[in-house]
Protein backbone atom coordinates (compact mmCIF):
# COMPACT_ATOMS: atom_id res chain seq x y z
CA UNK A 1 129.20 260.54 217.82
CA UNK A 2 127.37 260.15 221.07
CA UNK A 3 131.00 259.47 221.96
CA UNK A 4 132.32 262.47 220.67
CA UNK A 5 129.62 265.06 222.62
CA UNK A 6 130.39 263.64 225.08
CA UNK A 7 133.96 264.24 224.66
CA UNK A 8 133.41 267.72 224.00
CA UNK A 9 131.15 268.72 227.48
CA UNK A 10 134.40 267.53 228.82
CA UNK A 11 136.51 269.68 227.05
CA UNK A 12 134.20 272.78 227.95
CA UNK A 13 134.70 271.95 231.55
CA UNK A 14 137.29 271.71 231.84
CA UNK A 15 138.63 275.15 230.38
CA UNK A 16 135.59 276.69 231.93
CA UNK A 17 137.51 275.05 235.45
CA UNK A 18 140.89 276.81 233.93
CA UNK A 19 138.93 279.55 233.51
CA UNK A 20 137.69 280.18 236.81
CA UNK A 21 140.99 278.89 238.54
CA UNK A 22 142.76 281.72 236.45
CA UNK A 23 140.20 284.14 237.39
CA UNK A 24 140.34 283.08 241.11
CA UNK A 25 144.39 283.04 241.18
CA UNK A 26 143.68 286.61 239.60
CA UNK A 27 141.45 287.67 242.91
CA UNK A 28 144.46 286.51 245.45
CA UNK A 29 147.03 288.38 243.80
CA UNK A 30 145.01 291.48 243.97
CA UNK A 31 144.04 291.07 247.32
CA UNK A 32 147.41 290.32 247.98
CA UNK A 33 149.17 293.30 246.21
CA UNK A 34 146.55 295.11 248.00
CA UNK A 35 146.97 294.18 251.32
CA UNK A 36 150.38 295.07 251.34
CA UNK A 37 150.13 298.41 250.29
CA UNK A 38 147.97 298.74 252.64
CA UNK A 39 150.45 297.50 255.51
CA UNK A 40 152.98 299.50 253.39
CA UNK A 41 151.17 302.70 254.06
CA UNK A 42 150.31 302.20 257.41
CA UNK A 43 153.69 301.40 258.18
CA UNK A 44 155.51 304.20 256.82
CA UNK A 45 152.57 306.82 257.75
CA UNK A 46 153.68 305.30 262.13
CA UNK A 47 156.70 305.79 260.93
CA UNK A 48 156.13 310.08 259.75
CA UNK A 49 153.59 310.26 262.55
CA UNK A 50 156.52 309.16 265.71
CA UNK A 51 159.23 311.33 263.87
CA UNK A 52 156.54 314.24 263.85
CA UNK A 53 155.51 313.50 267.49
CA UNK A 54 159.01 313.57 268.74
CA UNK A 55 160.87 316.17 266.30
CA UNK A 56 161.73 318.53 269.49
CA UNK A 57 163.31 315.74 271.38
CA UNK A 58 167.10 315.90 270.66
CA UNK A 59 168.56 312.93 269.52
CA UNK A 60 165.12 310.12 270.70
CA UNK A 61 163.33 309.01 268.23
CA UNK A 62 161.68 305.62 267.08
CA UNK A 63 161.28 306.82 263.45
CA UNK A 64 164.54 304.21 263.37
CA UNK A 65 162.27 301.54 264.77
CA UNK A 66 159.44 301.24 263.19
CA UNK A 67 161.41 300.84 259.82
CA UNK A 68 163.30 298.38 260.81
CA UNK A 69 159.78 296.75 262.45
CA UNK A 70 158.94 297.24 258.97
CA UNK A 71 161.68 295.42 257.15
CA UNK A 72 160.86 292.55 259.94
CA UNK A 73 157.28 291.93 259.39
CA UNK A 74 156.81 292.18 255.68
CA UNK A 75 159.99 291.54 254.21
CA UNK A 76 163.12 292.94 252.64
CA UNK A 77 161.39 294.96 249.65
CA UNK A 78 158.50 296.29 251.63
CA UNK A 79 160.84 297.02 253.98
CA UNK A 80 163.56 299.34 251.80
CA UNK A 81 159.75 301.04 250.37
CA UNK A 82 158.63 301.77 253.96
CA UNK A 83 162.31 303.13 254.73
CA UNK A 84 162.90 305.06 251.47
CA UNK A 85 159.17 306.44 251.15
CA UNK A 86 158.60 307.18 255.01
CA UNK A 87 162.19 309.24 255.13
CA UNK A 88 161.87 311.07 251.99
CA UNK A 89 158.42 312.87 253.30
CA UNK A 90 159.92 313.08 257.08
CA UNK A 91 163.30 314.28 256.33
CA UNK A 92 162.35 316.64 253.37
CA UNK A 93 159.45 317.83 255.43
CA UNK A 94 161.28 317.87 258.98
CA UNK A 95 159.25 320.41 261.38
CA UNK A 96 163.05 321.84 262.55
CA UNK A 97 164.02 321.97 258.79
CA UNK A 98 164.58 320.11 255.86
CA UNK A 99 168.09 317.86 255.27
CA UNK A 100 170.16 319.26 252.64
CA UNK A 101 170.08 317.08 249.41
CA UNK A 102 173.75 315.48 250.45
CA UNK A 103 172.23 314.29 254.35
CA UNK A 104 168.93 313.58 252.82
CA UNK A 105 170.46 311.87 249.75
CA UNK A 106 171.88 309.43 252.58
CA UNK A 107 169.16 309.43 255.13
CA UNK A 108 167.26 307.83 252.11
CA UNK A 109 169.69 305.24 251.54
CA UNK A 110 170.35 304.93 255.45
CA UNK A 111 166.22 304.53 256.05
CA UNK A 112 166.03 301.88 253.55
CA UNK A 113 168.82 299.86 254.26
CA UNK A 114 166.96 299.77 257.47
CA UNK A 115 164.30 298.93 256.16
CA UNK A 116 166.08 295.91 254.05
CA UNK A 117 168.11 294.63 257.94
CA UNK A 118 164.96 294.43 259.30
CA UNK A 119 163.89 291.56 256.67
CA UNK A 120 167.27 290.32 256.19
CA UNK A 121 167.24 289.59 260.12
CA UNK A 122 163.63 288.28 259.57
CA UNK A 123 164.92 285.81 257.21
CA UNK A 124 168.15 284.22 258.77
CA UNK A 125 165.78 283.83 261.57
CA UNK A 126 163.59 281.96 259.88
CA UNK A 127 166.68 279.95 258.48
CA UNK A 128 168.22 279.20 261.57
CA UNK A 129 165.47 279.07 264.08
CA UNK A 130 167.18 281.87 266.49
CA UNK A 131 163.88 282.62 268.13
CA UNK A 132 160.35 281.75 267.43
CA UNK A 133 157.95 284.62 267.13
CA UNK A 134 155.13 283.03 269.55
CA UNK A 135 157.27 282.53 271.91
CA UNK A 136 158.31 284.42 274.66
CA UNK A 137 160.89 287.85 273.23
CA UNK A 138 161.60 289.08 276.14
CA UNK A 139 164.29 286.66 276.87
CA UNK A 140 168.15 287.99 277.85
CA UNK A 141 169.83 286.62 274.13
CA UNK A 142 167.06 287.72 271.97
CA UNK A 143 167.03 291.27 273.59
CA UNK A 144 170.58 291.57 273.22
CA UNK A 145 170.79 290.79 269.70
CA UNK A 146 167.95 293.55 269.38
CA UNK A 147 169.93 296.42 271.24
CA UNK A 148 173.02 295.02 269.72
CA UNK A 149 171.21 295.98 266.14
CA UNK A 150 169.61 299.03 267.38
CA UNK A 151 173.20 300.58 269.09
CA UNK A 152 174.96 299.81 265.31
CA UNK A 153 172.43 300.75 263.51
CA UNK A 154 172.02 304.84 265.16
CA UNK A 155 176.27 304.78 265.74
CA UNK A 156 176.19 304.09 261.86
CA UNK A 157 174.06 306.57 260.81
CA UNK A 158 175.28 309.09 263.35
CA UNK A 159 179.04 309.24 262.66
CA UNK A 160 177.93 309.71 258.35
CA UNK A 161 175.63 312.21 258.86
CA UNK A 162 178.10 314.09 261.29
CA UNK A 163 180.79 313.51 258.13
CA UNK A 164 178.74 314.78 255.40
CA UNK A 165 177.47 317.39 257.51
CA UNK A 166 180.97 318.38 258.32
CA UNK A 167 182.25 317.88 254.35
CA UNK A 168 179.25 320.00 253.61
CA UNK A 169 180.51 323.04 255.79
CA UNK A 170 183.90 322.56 256.27
CA UNK A 171 185.02 320.37 253.16
CA UNK A 172 187.40 318.11 253.00
CA UNK A 173 190.72 320.31 254.34
CA UNK A 174 189.02 320.08 258.05
CA UNK A 175 189.59 318.28 261.20
CA UNK A 176 186.60 315.84 261.61
CA UNK A 177 187.50 314.46 265.05
CA UNK A 178 186.63 317.90 267.08
CA UNK A 179 183.46 317.93 264.97
CA UNK A 180 182.36 314.96 266.17
CA UNK A 181 183.43 314.94 269.84
CA UNK A 182 181.56 318.51 270.08
CA UNK A 183 178.34 316.58 269.17
CA UNK A 184 178.84 313.36 271.32
CA UNK A 185 176.55 313.64 273.80
CA UNK A 186 173.47 314.16 271.35
CA UNK A 187 175.57 311.17 269.61
CA UNK A 188 174.96 308.60 272.96
CA UNK A 189 171.46 310.16 274.10
CA UNK A 190 170.47 309.02 270.43
CA UNK A 191 172.16 304.99 270.93
CA UNK A 192 170.90 304.81 274.32
CA UNK A 193 167.19 305.87 273.10
CA UNK A 194 167.12 304.00 270.25
CA UNK A 195 169.08 300.68 271.97
CA UNK A 196 167.06 300.84 274.56
CA UNK A 197 163.40 301.10 272.12
CA UNK A 198 165.19 297.85 270.59
CA UNK A 199 165.36 296.36 273.53
CA UNK A 200 162.12 297.04 275.39
CA UNK A 201 159.79 297.50 272.20
CA UNK A 202 160.63 296.13 269.43
CA UNK A 203 159.78 292.66 270.75
CA UNK A 204 156.78 293.42 272.34
CA UNK A 205 155.47 294.75 268.66
CA UNK A 206 157.21 292.16 266.65
CA UNK A 207 154.57 289.31 268.07
CA UNK A 208 151.53 291.81 268.63
CA UNK A 209 151.54 292.67 264.87
CA UNK A 210 152.40 288.97 264.41
CA UNK A 211 149.78 287.92 265.62
CA UNK A 212 147.52 290.30 264.09
CA UNK A 213 148.10 289.75 260.55
CA UNK A 214 148.84 286.38 261.10
């Protein structure tokens, strides 16, 4: 009887430990989810604020860089969420004018992919160890990588956005090339601005935020 009593007591203790462990795990999951929501909100708000601050400077922006940065720091899924939420608010309530539906649809898709790309580059770097976050990122090879990414993202946006704008106003029968060439100055400024931002601003922000969070 005494042995049975000890066995029952042991079983109760084991059950209590399991319950406590489950409660602890649940608490950790809630904390992680809350922290994730806070970070998504911060990055989204930062992208929107920077978008509004630079809205009246033609084709100079930090909106793209901030969304890419969110994906790099938070991962693919959260980067896409930041890209979608921030572009939905900024492009729909743009102080210059709201984007028409075809262009808005593309912008939501483009900036979601920008956040995803940031997460993909971060994941690739972790696997291949192209560079270490805790080391100096202002190295020529790393700056070239980031600058190329910024240039490609911006060029892709400019070409497709201009094409959508062209089709919306002229239809499929018009000539796209003259319209694109007429705005080539704004395209070049946009590409150069984002390329320089990805070269000189992005590496420092990655290291700064990484130290703050991890």
